[in-house]
Structure formats: structure tokens, C-alpha cells
C-alpha atoms as a PDB file:
ATOM      1  CA  UNK A   1     -14.370  30.336   7.477  1.00  0.00           C
ATOM      2  CA  UNK A   2     -11.674  28.901   9.714  1.00  0.00           C
ATOM      3  CA  UNK A   3     -12.530  25.397  10.918  1.00  0.00           C
ATOM      4  CA  UNK A   4     -11.125  22.888  13.400  1.00  0.00           C
ATOM      5  CA  UNK A   5     -10.266  19.817  11.344  1.00  0.00           C
ATOM      6  CA  UNK A   6      -8.752  16.441  12.151  1.00  0.00           C
ATOM      7  CA  UNK A   7      -6.767  14.392   9.645  1.00  0.00           C
ATOM      8  CA  UNK A   8      -6.344  10.733  10.573  1.00  0.00           C
ATOM      9  CA  UNK A   9      -3.558   9.191   8.515  1.00  0.00           C
ATOM     10  CA  UNK A  10      -1.793  12.510   7.953  1.00  0.00           C
ATOM     11  CA  UNK A  11       1.579  10.845   7.365  1.00  0.00           C
ATOM     12  CA  UNK A  12       0.159   8.836   4.459  1.00  0.00           C
ATOM     13  CA  UNK A  13      -0.441   9.718   0.830  1.00  0.00           C
ATOM     14  CA  UNK A  14      -3.842  11.415   0.810  1.00  0.00           C
ATOM     15  CA  UNK A  15      -3.696  12.494   4.444  1.00  0.00           C
ATOM     16  CA  UNK A  16      -0.407  14.336   4.111  1.00  0.00           C
ATOM     17  CA  UNK A  17      -1.539  16.288   1.080  1.00  0.00           C
ATOM     18  CA  UNK A  18      -4.851  17.076   2.780  1.00  0.00           C
ATOM     19  CA  UNK A  19      -3.277  18.338   5.998  1.00  0.00           C
ATOM     20  CA  UNK A  20      -0.859  20.624   4.146  1.00  0.00           C
ATOM     21  CA  UNK A  21      -3.597  21.984   1.914  1.00  0.00           C
ATOM     22  CA  UNK A  22      -5.873  22.765   4.863  1.00  0.00           C
ATOM     23  CA  UNK A  23      -3.030  24.513   6.683  1.00  0.00           C
ATOM     24  CA  UNK A  24      -2.324  26.610   3.584  1.00  0.00           C
ATOM     25  CA  UNK A  25      -5.979  27.639   3.589  1.00  0.00           C
ATOM     26  CA  UNK A  26      -5.775  28.876   7.164  1.00  0.00           C
ATOM     27  CA  UNK A  27      -7.604  26.143   9.051  1.00  0.00           C
ATOM     28  CA  UNK A  28      -6.670  24.769  12.460  1.00  0.00           C
ATOM     29  CA  UNK A  29      -5.468  21.271  11.670  1.00  0.00           C
ATOM     30  CA  UNK A  30      -4.951  18.468  14.139  1.00  0.00           C
ATOM     31  CA  UNK A  31      -3.381  15.171  13.102  1.00  0.00           C
ATOM     32  CA  UNK A  32      -3.532  11.800  14.788  1.00  0.00           C
ATOM     33  CA  UNK A  33      -0.253   9.911  14.374  1.00  0.00           C
ATOM     34  CA  UNK A  34       1.040   6.712  15.909  1.00  0.00           C
ATOM     35  CA  UNK A  35       4.480   8.236  16.458  1.00  0.00           C
ATOM     36  CA  UNK A  36       6.257  11.518  15.876  1.00  0.00           C
ATOM     37  CA  UNK A  37       8.284  10.637  12.804  1.00  0.00           C
ATOM     38  CA  UNK A  38       9.831  12.981  10.233  1.00  0.00           C
ATOM     39  CA  UNK A  39       6.542  13.366   8.352  1.00  0.00           C
ATOM     40  CA  UNK A  40       4.761  14.386  11.555  1.00  0.00           C
ATOM     41  CA  UNK A  41       7.553  16.824  12.381  1.00  0.00           C
ATOM     42  CA  UNK A  42       7.195  18.457   8.968  1.00  0.00           C
ATOM     43  CA  UNK A  43       3.463  18.931   9.524  1.00  0.00           C
ATOM     44  CA  UNK A  44       4.111  20.361  12.991  1.00  0.00           C
ATOM     45  CA  UNK A  45       6.542  22.862  11.456  1.00  0.00           C
ATOM     46  CA  UNK A  46       3.737  23.985   9.137  1.00  0.00           C
ATOM     47  CA  UNK A  47       1.442  24.591  12.107  1.00  0.00           C
ATOM     48  CA  UNK A  48      -0.406  21.298  12.603  1.00  0.00           C
ATOM     49  CA  UNK A  49      -1.218  20.113  16.098  1.00  0.00           C
ATOM     50  CA  UNK A  50       0.168  16.611  16.530  1.00  0.00           C
ATOM     51  CA  UNK A  51      -1.688  14.135  18.738  1.00  0.00           C
ATOM     52  CA  UNK A  52      -0.044  10.769  19.302  1.00  0.00           C
ATOM     53  CA  UNK A  53      -2.505   7.900  19.393  1.00  0.00           C
ATOM     54  CA  UNK A  54      -4.112   5.062  17.518  1.00  0.00           C
ATOM     55  CA  UNK A  55      -7.495   4.498  15.922  1.00  0.00           C
ATOM     56  CA  UNK A  56      -7.637   1.250  17.907  1.00  0.00           C
ATOM     57  CA  UNK A  57      -7.433   3.237  21.157  1.00  0.00           C
ATOM     58  CA  UNK A  58     -10.741   4.972  21.873  1.00  0.00           C
ATOM     59  CA  UNK A  59      -9.197   7.154  24.568  1.00  0.00           C
ATOM     60  CA  UNK A  60      -6.653   8.697  22.200  1.00  0.00           C
ATOM     61  CA  UNK A  61      -9.444   9.196  19.649  1.00  0.00           C
ATOM     62  CA  UNK A  62     -11.459  11.066  22.293  1.00  0.00           C
ATOM     63  CA  UNK A  63      -8.506  13.407  22.742  1.00  0.00           C
ATOM     64  CA  UNK A  64      -8.054  13.827  19.000  1.00  0.00           C
ATOM     65  CA  UNK A  65     -11.732  14.555  18.240  1.00  0.00           C
ATOM     66  CA  UNK A  66     -12.484  16.983  21.083  1.00  0.00           C
ATOM     67  CA  UNK A  67     -13.386  20.373  19.600  1.00  0.00           C
ATOM     68  CA  UNK A  68     -13.225  19.122  16.009  1.00  0.00           C
ATOM     69  CA  UNK A  69     -15.765  20.213  13.381  1.00  0.00           C
ATOM     70  CA  UNK A  70     -15.030  17.549  10.749  1.00  0.00           C
ATOM     71  CA  UNK A  71     -12.470  14.813  10.175  1.00  0.00           C
ATOM     72  CA  UNK A  72     -10.852  12.759   7.445  1.00  0.00           C
ATOM     73  CA  UNK A  73     -10.475   9.031   8.085  1.00  0.00           C
ATOM     74  CA  UNK A  74      -8.255   6.729   6.060  1.00  0.00           C
ATOM     75  CA  UNK A  75      -6.941   3.312   7.009  1.00  0.00           C
ATOM     76  CA  UNK A  76      -4.162   1.288   5.355  1.00  0.00           C
ATOM     77  CA  UNK A  77      -4.651  -2.163   3.860  1.00  0.00           C
ATOM     78  CA  UNK A  78      -4.062  -3.873   7.193  1.00  0.00           C
ATOM     79  CA  UNK A  79      -6.271  -6.000   9.425  1.00  0.00           C
ATOM     80  CA  UNK A  80      -8.337  -4.067  11.964  1.00  0.00           C
ATOM     81  CA  UNK A  81     -10.436  -1.786   9.757  1.00  0.00           C
ATOM     82  CA  UNK A  82     -13.731  -2.702  11.405  1.00  0.00           C
ATOM     83  CA  UNK A  83     -12.546  -1.944  14.943  1.00  0.00           C
ATOM     84  CA  UNK A  84     -10.926   1.284  13.773  1.00  0.00           C
ATOM     85  CA  UNK A  85     -14.082   2.422  11.985  1.00  0.00           C
ATOM     86  CA  UNK A  86     -16.270   1.676  14.999  1.00  0.00           C
ATOM     87  CA  UNK A  87     -13.918   3.626  17.265  1.00  0.00           C
ATOM     88  CA  UNK A  88     -13.802   6.622  14.934  1.00  0.00           C
ATOM     89  CA  UNK A  89     -17.592   6.655  14.625  1.00  0.00           C
ATOM     90  CA  UNK A  90     -18.058   6.442  18.397  1.00  0.00           C
ATOM     91  CA  UNK A  91     -15.498   9.126  19.211  1.00  0.00           C
ATOM     92  CA  UNK A  92     -16.938  11.438  16.558  1.00  0.00           C
ATOM     93  CA  UNK A  93     -20.460  11.042  17.951  1.00  0.00           C
ATOM     94  CA  UNK A  94     -19.360  11.432  21.572  1.00  0.00           C
ATOM     95  CA  UNK A  95     -17.360  14.592  20.897  1.00  0.00           C
ATOM     96  CA  UNK A  96     -19.722  16.456  18.582  1.00  0.00           C
ATOM     97  CA  UNK A  97     -17.887  16.021  15.284  1.00  0.00           C
ATOM     98  CA  UNK A  98     -20.369  17.001  12.588  1.00  0.00           C
ATOM     99  CA  UNK A  99     -18.898  15.333   9.489  1.00  0.00           C
ATOM    100  CA  UNK A 100     -16.585  12.499   8.427  1.00  0.00           C
ATOM    101  CA  UNK A 101     -14.906  12.075   5.047  1.00  0.00           C
ATOM    102  CA  UNK A 102     -14.188   8.356   4.724  1.00  0.00           C
ATOM    103  CA  UNK A 103     -11.615   6.946   2.323  1.00  0.00           C
ATOM    104  CA  UNK A 104     -13.051   3.713   0.983  1.00  0.00           C
ATOM    105  CA  UNK A 105     -12.158   1.780  -2.187  1.00  0.00           C
ATOM    106  CA  UNK A 106     -13.484   1.586  -5.727  1.00  0.00           C
ATOM    107  CA  UNK A 107     -13.847  -2.160  -5.288  1.00  0.00           C
ATOM    108  CA  UNK A 108     -15.800  -1.905  -2.013  1.00  0.00           C
ATOM    109  CA  UNK A 109     -18.861  -4.099  -2.351  1.00  0.00           C
ATOM    110  CA  UNK A 110     -20.587  -6.914  -0.507  1.00  0.00           C
ATOM    111  CA  UNK A 111     -19.606  -9.620  -2.999  1.00  0.00           C
ATOM    112  CA  UNK A 112     -15.940  -8.671  -3.361  1.00  0.00           C
ATOM    113  CA  UNK A 113     -13.415 -11.512  -3.197  1.00  0.00           C
ATOM    114  CA  UNK A 114     -10.985  -9.120  -1.478  1.00  0.00           C
ATOM    115  CA  UNK A 115     -11.257  -9.289   2.299  1.00  0.00           C
ATOM    116  CA  UNK A 116     -10.162  -5.655   2.588  1.00  0.00           C
ATOM    117  CA  UNK A 117     -12.599  -4.374  -0.051  1.00  0.00           C
ATOM    118  CA  UNK A 118     -15.496  -6.269   1.493  1.00  0.00           C
ATOM    119  CA  UNK A 119     -14.582  -4.877   4.907  1.00  0.00           C
ATOM    120  CA  UNK A 120     -14.576  -1.365   3.452  1.00  0.00           C
ATOM    121  CA  UNK A 121     -18.123  -1.922   2.198  1.00  0.00           C
ATOM    122  CA  UNK A 122     -19.234  -3.014   5.674  1.00  0.00           C
ATOM    123  CA  UNK A 123     -17.344  -0.084   7.218  1.00  0.00           C
ATOM    124  CA  UNK A 124     -19.280   2.281   4.968  1.00  0.00           C
ATOM    125  CA  UNK A 125     -22.556   0.783   6.201  1.00  0.00           C
ATOM    126  CA  UNK A 126     -21.402   1.126   9.809  1.00  0.00           C
ATOM    127  CA  UNK A 127     -20.610   4.806   9.314  1.00  0.00           C
ATOM    128  CA  UNK A 128     -23.934   5.321   7.553  1.00  0.00           C
ATOM    129  CA  UNK A 129     -25.667   4.318  10.801  1.00  0.00           C
ATOM    130  CA  UNK A 130     -23.832   7.059  12.704  1.00  0.00           C
ATOM    131  CA  UNK A 131     -25.617  10.351  13.412  1.00  0.00           C
ATOM    132  CA  UNK A 132     -22.559  12.123  11.984  1.00  0.00           C
ATOM    133  CA  UNK A 133     -22.777  13.222   8.329  1.00  0.00           C
ATOM    134  CA  UNK A 134     -20.553  10.965   6.222  1.00  0.00           C
ATOM    135  CA  UNK A 135     -19.144  11.162   2.697  1.00  0.00           C
ATOM    136  CA  UNK A 136     -17.508   8.064   1.216  1.00  0.00           C
ATOM    137  CA  UNK A 137     -14.745   8.338  -1.394  1.00  0.00           C
ATOM    138  CA  UNK A 138     -14.083   5.431  -3.752  1.00  0.00           C
ATOM    139  CA  UNK A 139     -11.022   6.222  -5.865  1.00  0.00           C
ATOM    140  CA  UNK A 140      -9.788   4.070  -8.696  1.00  0.00           C
ATOM    141  CA  UNK A 141      -6.123   2.963  -8.680  1.00  0.00           C
ATOM    142  CA  UNK A 142      -3.842   5.728  -7.430  1.00  0.00           C
ATOM    143  CA  UNK A 143      -1.310   7.182  -9.855  1.00  0.00           C
ATOM    144  CA  UNK A 144       1.189   6.481  -7.059  1.00  0.00           C
ATOM    145  CA  UNK A 145       0.892   2.821  -8.086  1.00  0.00           C
ATOM    146  CA  UNK A 146       3.235   3.770 -10.950  1.00  0.00           C
ATOM    147  CA  UNK A 147       5.846   4.624  -8.316  1.00  0.00           C
ATOM    148  CA  UNK A 148       5.101   1.819  -5.858  1.00  0.00           C
ATOM    149  CA  UNK A 149       5.410  -0.921  -8.472  1.00  0.00           C
ATOM    150  CA  UNK A 150       8.335   0.599 -10.372  1.00  0.00           C
ATOM    151  CA  UNK A 151      11.421  -1.645 -10.183  1.00  0.00           C
ATOM    152  CA  UNK A 152      13.677   0.419 -12.446  1.00  0.00           C
ATOM    153  CA  UNK A 153      13.670  -2.109 -15.286  1.00  0.00           C
ATOM    154  CA  UNK A 154      11.347  -0.111 -17.525  1.00  0.00           C
ATOM    155  CA  UNK A 155       8.809  -2.947 -17.477  1.00  0.00           C
ATOM    156  CA  UNK A 156       5.405  -2.735 -15.832  1.00  0.00           C
ATOM    157  CA  UNK A 157       4.864  -6.432 -15.071  1.00  0.00           C
ATOM    158  CA  UNK A 158       1.244  -6.369 -13.938  1.00  0.00           C
ATOM    159  CA  UNK A 159      -1.739  -8.749 -14.195  1.00  0.00           C
ATOM    160  CA  UNK A 160      -4.293  -6.328 -15.600  1.00  0.00           C
ATOM    161  CA  UNK A 161      -4.702  -7.743 -19.121  1.00  0.00           C
ATOM    162  CA  UNK A 162      -6.374  -5.061 -21.261  1.00  0.00           C
ATOM    163  CA  UNK A 163      -8.384  -3.491 -18.428  1.00  0.00           C
ATOM    164  CA  UNK A 164      -8.588   0.278 -18.140  1.00  0.00           C
ATOM    165  CA  UNK A 165      -8.681   2.977 -15.485  1.00  0.00           C
ATOM    166  CA  UNK A 166      -8.022   6.700 -15.105  1.00  0.00           C
ATOM    167  CA  UNK A 167      -5.118   6.970 -12.604  1.00  0.00           C
ATOM    168  CA  UNK A 168      -5.762   9.540  -9.873  1.00  0.00           C
ATOM    169  CA  UNK A 169      -3.025  11.250  -7.870  1.00  0.00           C
ATOM    170  CA  UNK A 170      -3.217  11.526  -4.088  1.00  0.00           C
ATOM    171  CA  UNK A 171      -2.828  15.298  -4.354  1.00  0.00           C
ATOM    172  CA  UNK A 172      -5.976  15.523  -6.487  1.00  0.00           C
ATOM    173  CA  UNK A 173      -7.903  13.434  -4.002  1.00  0.00           C
ATOM    174  CA  UNK A 174      -6.700  15.783  -1.261  1.00  0.00           C
ATOM    175  CA  UNK A 175      -8.352  18.741  -2.967  1.00  0.00           C
ATOM    176  CA  UNK A 176     -11.658  16.864  -2.928  1.00  0.00           C
ATOM    177  CA  UNK A 177     -11.196  15.867   0.708  1.00  0.00           C
ATOM    178  CA  UNK A 178     -10.307  19.416   1.756  1.00  0.00           C
ATOM    179  CA  UNK A 179     -13.284  20.929  -0.064  1.00  0.00           C
ATOM    180  CA  UNK A 180     -15.697  18.520   1.629  1.00  0.00           C
ATOM    181  CA  UNK A 181     -14.184  19.137   5.059  1.00  0.00           C
ATOM    182  CA  UNK A 182     -14.571  22.882   4.533  1.00  0.00           C
ATOM    183  CA  UNK A 183     -18.258  22.575   3.577  1.00  0.00           C
ATOM    184  CA  UNK A 184     -19.574  19.080   4.392  1.00  0.00           C
ATOM    185  CA  UNK A 185     -23.330  19.654   4.190  1.00  0.00           C
ATOM    186  CA  UNK A 186     -23.777  19.408   0.385  1.00  0.00           C
ATOM    187  CA  UNK A 187     -21.882  16.108   0.384  1.00  0.00           C
ATOM    188  CA  UNK A 188     -23.552  14.361   3.330  1.00  0.00           C
ATOM    189  CA  UNK A 189     -24.633  10.825   2.502  1.00  0.00           C
ATOM    190  CA  UNK A 190     -22.859  10.818  -0.872  1.00  0.00           C
ATOM    191  CA  UNK A 191     -20.602   8.116  -2.323  1.00  0.00           C
ATOM    192  CA  UNK A 192     -18.103   9.615  -4.742  1.00  0.00           C
ATOM    193  CA  UNK A 193     -16.102   7.491  -7.210  1.00  0.00           C
ATOM    194  CA  UNK A 194     -12.961   9.451  -8.047  1.00  0.00           C
ATOM    195  CA  UNK A 195     -10.911   9.276 -11.242  1.00  0.00           C
ATOM    196  CA  UNK A 196      -8.040  10.969 -12.976  1.00  0.00           C
ATOM    197  CA  UNK A 197      -8.611  12.803 -16.265  1.00  0.00           C
ATOM    198  CA  UNK A 198      -8.236  10.026 -18.868  1.00  0.00           C
ATOM    199  CA  UNK A 199      -9.107   6.336 -18.874  1.00  0.00           C
ATOM    200  CA  UNK A 200      -6.204   4.256 -20.240  1.00  0.00           C
ATOM    201  CA  UNK A 201      -5.024   0.688 -20.453  1.00  0.00           C
ATOM    202  CA  UNK A 202      -1.522  -0.112 -19.234  1.00  0.00           C
ATOM    203  CA  UNK A 203      -0.052  -0.183 -22.735  1.00  0.00           C
ATOM    204  CA  UNK A 204      -1.173   3.443 -23.088  1.00  0.00           C
ATOM    205  CA  UNK A 205       0.062   4.306 -19.597  1.00  0.00           C
ATOM    206  CA  UNK A 206       3.493   2.845 -20.405  1.00  0.00           C
ATOM    207  CA  UNK A 207       3.634   4.811 -23.661  1.00  0.00           C
ATOM    208  CA  UNK A 208       2.887   8.078 -21.859  1.00  0.00           C
ATOM    209  CA  UNK A 209       5.481   7.323 -19.213  1.00  0.00           C
ATOM    210  CA  UNK A 210       8.054   6.560 -21.928  1.00  0.00           C
ATOM    211  CA  UNK A 211       7.287   9.809 -23.752  1.00  0.00           C
ATOM    212  CA  UNK A 212       7.693  11.853 -20.568  1.00  0.00           C
ATOM    213  CA  UNK A 213      10.835  10.111 -19.317  1.00  0.00           C
ATOM    214  CA  UNK A 214      12.488   9.779 -22.714  1.00  0.00           C
ATOM    215  CA  UNK A 215      13.278   6.114 -22.140  1.00  0.00           C
ATOM    216  CA  UNK A 216      11.546   2.828 -22.959  1.00  0.00           C
ATOM    217  CA  UNK A 217       8.699   1.785 -20.680  1.00  0.00           C
ATOM    218  CA  UNK A 218       6.736  -1.333 -21.559  1.00  0.00           C
ATOM    219  CA  UNK A 219       3.672  -2.980 -20.102  1.00  0.00           C
ATOM    220  CA  UNK A 220       4.125  -6.742 -19.775  1.00  0.00           C
ATOM    221  CA  UNK A 221       0.879  -8.524 -18.837  1.00  0.00           C
ATOM    222  CA  UNK A 222       1.576 -11.325 -16.365  1.00  0.00           C
ATOM    223  CA  UNK A 223      -0.451 -14.049 -14.715  1.00  0.00           C
ATOM    224  CA  UNK A 224      -1.835 -13.756 -11.186  1.00  0.00           C
ATOM    225  CA  UNK A 225       0.652 -16.262  -9.764  1.00  0.00           C
ATOM    226  CA  UNK A 226       3.644 -14.200 -10.894  1.00  0.00           C
ATOM    227  CA  UNK A 227       2.025 -11.068  -9.463  1.00  0.00           C
ATOM    228  CA  UNK A 228       1.397 -12.827  -6.153  1.00  0.00           C
ATOM    229  CA  UNK A 229       5.016 -14.001  -5.961  1.00  0.00           C
ATOM    230  CA  UNK A 230       6.247 -10.478  -6.720  1.00  0.00           C
ATOM    231  CA  UNK A 231       4.175  -9.060  -3.878  1.00  0.00           C
ATOM    232  CA  UNK A 232       5.365 -11.764  -1.499  1.00  0.00           C
ATOM    233  CA  UNK A 233       9.013 -11.123  -2.433  1.00  0.00           C
ATOM    234  CA  UNK A 234       8.459  -7.472  -1.600  1.00  0.00           C
ATOM    235  CA  UNK A 235       7.453  -8.509   1.907  1.00  0.00           C
ATOM    236  CA  UNK A 236       3.787  -7.526   1.761  1.00  0.00           C
ATOM    237  CA  UNK A 237       1.521  -9.018   4.399  1.00  0.00           C
ATOM    238  CA  UNK A 238      -0.788 -11.927   3.496  1.00  0.00           C
ATOM    239  CA  UNK A 239      -3.776  -9.584   4.023  1.00  0.00           C
ATOM    240  CA  UNK A 240      -2.444  -7.102   1.483  1.00  0.00           C
ATOM    241  CA  UNK A 241      -1.392  -9.774  -1.001  1.00  0.00           C
ATOM    242  CA  UNK A 242      -4.855 -11.343  -0.877  1.00  0.00           C
ATOM    243  CA  UNK A 243      -6.429  -7.940  -1.493  1.00  0.00           C
ATOM    244  CA  UNK A 244      -4.201  -6.951  -4.401  1.00  0.00           C
ATOM    245  CA  UNK A 245      -4.560 -10.284  -6.190  1.00  0.00           C
ATOM    246  CA  UNK A 246      -8.350 -10.155  -5.806  1.00  0.00           C
ATOM    247  CA  UNK A 247      -8.611  -6.585  -7.077  1.00  0.00           C
ATOM    248  CA  UNK A 248      -6.416  -7.469 -10.054  1.00  0.00           C
ATOM    249  CA  UNK A 249      -9.278  -9.735 -11.117  1.00  0.00           C
ATOM    250  CA  UNK A 250     -11.715  -6.870 -10.431  1.00  0.00           C
ATOM    251  CA  UNK A 251      -9.561  -4.656 -12.620  1.00  0.00           C
ATOM    252  CA  UNK A 252      -9.742  -7.143 -15.492  1.00  0.00           C
ATOM    253  CA  UNK A 253     -13.514  -7.231 -14.996  1.00  0.00           C
ATOM    254  CA  UNK A 254     -13.834  -3.442 -15.339  1.00  0.00           C
ATOM    255  CA  UNK A 255     -14.526  -2.561 -11.706  1.00  0.00           C
ATOM    256  CA  UNK A 256     -11.871   0.196 -11.738  1.00  0.00           C
ATOM    257  CA  UNK A 257     -12.871   1.658 -15.122  1.00  0.00           C
ATOM    258  CA  UNK A 258     -14.791   4.874 -15.600  1.00  0.00           C
ATOM    259  CA  UNK A 259     -14.377   8.619 -15.479  1.00  0.00           C
ATOM    260  CA  UNK A 260     -16.203  11.706 -14.199  1.00  0.00           C
ATOM    261  CA  UNK A 261     -15.529  15.361 -13.393  1.00  0.00           C
ATOM    262  CA  UNK A 262     -15.831  15.214  -9.589  1.00  0.00           C
ATOM    263  CA  UNK A 263     -12.191  16.115  -8.951  1.00  0.00           C
ATOM    264  CA  UNK A 264     -12.655  19.307 -10.928  1.00  0.00           C
ATOM    265  CA  UNK A 265     -16.162  20.217  -9.757  1.00  0.00           C
ATOM    266  CA  UNK A 266     -15.512  19.523  -6.057  1.00  0.00           C
ATOM    267  CA  UNK A 267     -11.761  20.031  -5.793  1.00  0.00           C
ATOM    268  CA  UNK A 268     -11.636  23.061  -8.078  1.00  0.00           C
ATOM    269  CA  UNK A 269      -8.801  21.985 -10.396  1.00  0.00           C
ATOM    270  CA  UNK A 270      -8.276  19.586 -13.263  1.00  0.00           C
ATOM    271  CA  UNK A 271      -6.594  16.372 -12.054  1.00  0.00           C
ATOM    272  CA  UNK A 272      -3.101  15.389 -13.085  1.00  0.00           C
ATOM    273  CA  UNK A 273      -2.689  13.144 -16.097  1.00  0.00           C
ATOM    274  CA  UNK A 274      -0.088  10.393 -16.265  1.00  0.00           C
ATOM    275  CA  UNK A 275       2.447  12.648 -17.979  1.00  0.00           C
ATOM    276  CA  UNK A 276       2.136  15.400 -15.352  1.00  0.00           C
ATOM    277  CA  UNK A 277       2.323  12.901 -12.510  1.00  0.00           C
ATOM    278  CA  UNK A 278       5.448  11.273 -13.930  1.00  0.00           C
ATOM    279  CA  UNK A 279       7.026  14.689 -14.479  1.00  0.00           C
ATOM    280  CA  UNK A 280       6.347  15.595 -10.835  1.00  0.00           C
ATOM    281  CA  UNK A 281       8.127  12.381  -9.833  1.00  0.00           C
ATOM    282  CA  UNK A 282      10.923  12.544 -12.398  1.00  0.00           C
ATOM    283  CA  UNK A 283      13.632  12.541  -9.722  1.00  0.00           C
ATOM    284  CA  UNK A 284      12.355   9.209  -8.420  1.00  0.00           C
ATOM    285  CA  UNK A 285      12.361   7.568 -11.837  1.00  0.00           C
ATOM    286  CA  UNK A 286      15.815   8.923 -12.681  1.00  0.00           C
ATOM    287  CA  UNK A 287      17.327   7.592  -9.452  1.00  0.00           C
ATOM    288  CA  UNK A 288      15.551   4.221  -9.596  1.00  0.00           C
ATOM    289  CA  UNK A 289      16.987   2.644 -12.702  1.00  0.00           C
ATOM    290  CA  UNK A 290      18.051  -0.987 -12.875  1.00  0.00           C
END
């Protein structure tokens, strides 16, 4: 059945995949974007309706949510999550949106040392008080981390000790998001931890990357201070640095570990493993070599 669906954050990782997938399936897709950049133009060319606005502007959210059946909400690791969540919840209620799929975090919990993760936990509770049906997604570390933190040297200098997780690609999360938006009722009130297919430590991840790329890739465990300095040199905001350093400790403590079959049972396909993800991004790795 064709539905009217809103994707907030459609120029980001999960949002972009979700919007394209919903368009392919014949739905009417509206996207809320802060500006009409190249990514927005590509979605418009595929048939998406582009609404310029901001989740911190309730009036633009009213415009974006009018006539919408269900929406996907994701917010970057920036200050302002609480205001954005409250605005989305209010606009959804005022305009008759029946379901929200909320992108949270695996580390979202009351006692988290990460300001962002703790705020996500509170944001979940805020949305739970809304009359709109809500599904929360808590993915482990994205497979895209293997692109974001790649410096071309062949070394993964990360502070994760011998912790483990099952990397999950944004495209696999999009299949889960799309399926819930298409039929929200069975998922109302649920909190779904999402994982890739195989739990690995970073030595094993590096070995699989090396096998796929045909070049050496090595995991080098580092201390938190070096990791913090690396993030600061990359120009990340203090808010994001604080979050990533705190969740590195969570990672060591097993918060991001685990596995399940939700991507397959809800999204309908087996998720990508590390090898398949690296193969999909081979052009990036081949052009980013120190």
C-alpha cells in the first residue's frame, strides 16, 4: 500500500538509504533538509518532495509533517537533540502522524558517561510519552566507521582493546527502517538493538579487510588520550569528542557487543559482513592510501 512518509535526515547515512528505498517501493516520500545540496537534488530527481527546514523550527516541521502517515527521525551527534525531539513529537501529534521510527544509540542509557548517549535515552522517554506510536532503534557501531576512521595508512588506531561488535551497514539499517514505516503497528513500543551478521574484535575486522583489499590492514590498540587527540585534530566538536571517548570505554565494557537476526527478520535480507561492506567501498580504500 502506498504511504505518505517523511524522512528527517535524508541527506545522511541511514536517511539517504531509507528515502531511496522507499521511493523504489513506490511510496510518496517527503524529506526535510536544511538546504538544497547535491544529496537533496539527487533525491528530488528520484521523486522525493524536498522541504527546506530545521527540526529546531516547529513551523517548518508543521509543514513537513502535514499529511504524513509515518516518519523517520535521526539526529547527528550535535547539541540540541532534546529540543529537536520535542519539536518532532509535537509536530507529529499536531498533524496526525501515526508512527515515528527513532534512531537512538546502542549506548543510550540513564547512567551513560556520554552526554549524547544519555540525551538519547531521555529523548526515547520523551517520545514514549507521545500519543504517536514509536519504535526505537539502537544500532551497534556502524560499518561506515571503517571508512570514517580510515587514514590510508593501513592501521586502525582505535581504543577498543579486545572488545567486540558486529558492524552494521547503514543500508541494512535502512531496510529495517523502511519495513517499519510501511507497517508500523507490529513494532509500536519496541526497542530494537541492531547488529551486523558476525561479532568480531578489531583484530578480526582488520584481517577481513586485509583479505578483501589484498593489502595489509592492522589493528593497533591505542589509549584514550591518543584517540581524543586524533578526533580533535580532525576538527570534531567538543560534544562529539566527549561522546566518542566515552563510548570507547563502553565498547571495552561490552556495551556494543551482541548479535541477533532482526535485520533479516524485519528488513528481509541478510546484513552485509565486513568483507562485503569493504568490497562495496573498494573505490574509497583504493583512492585513500597514504
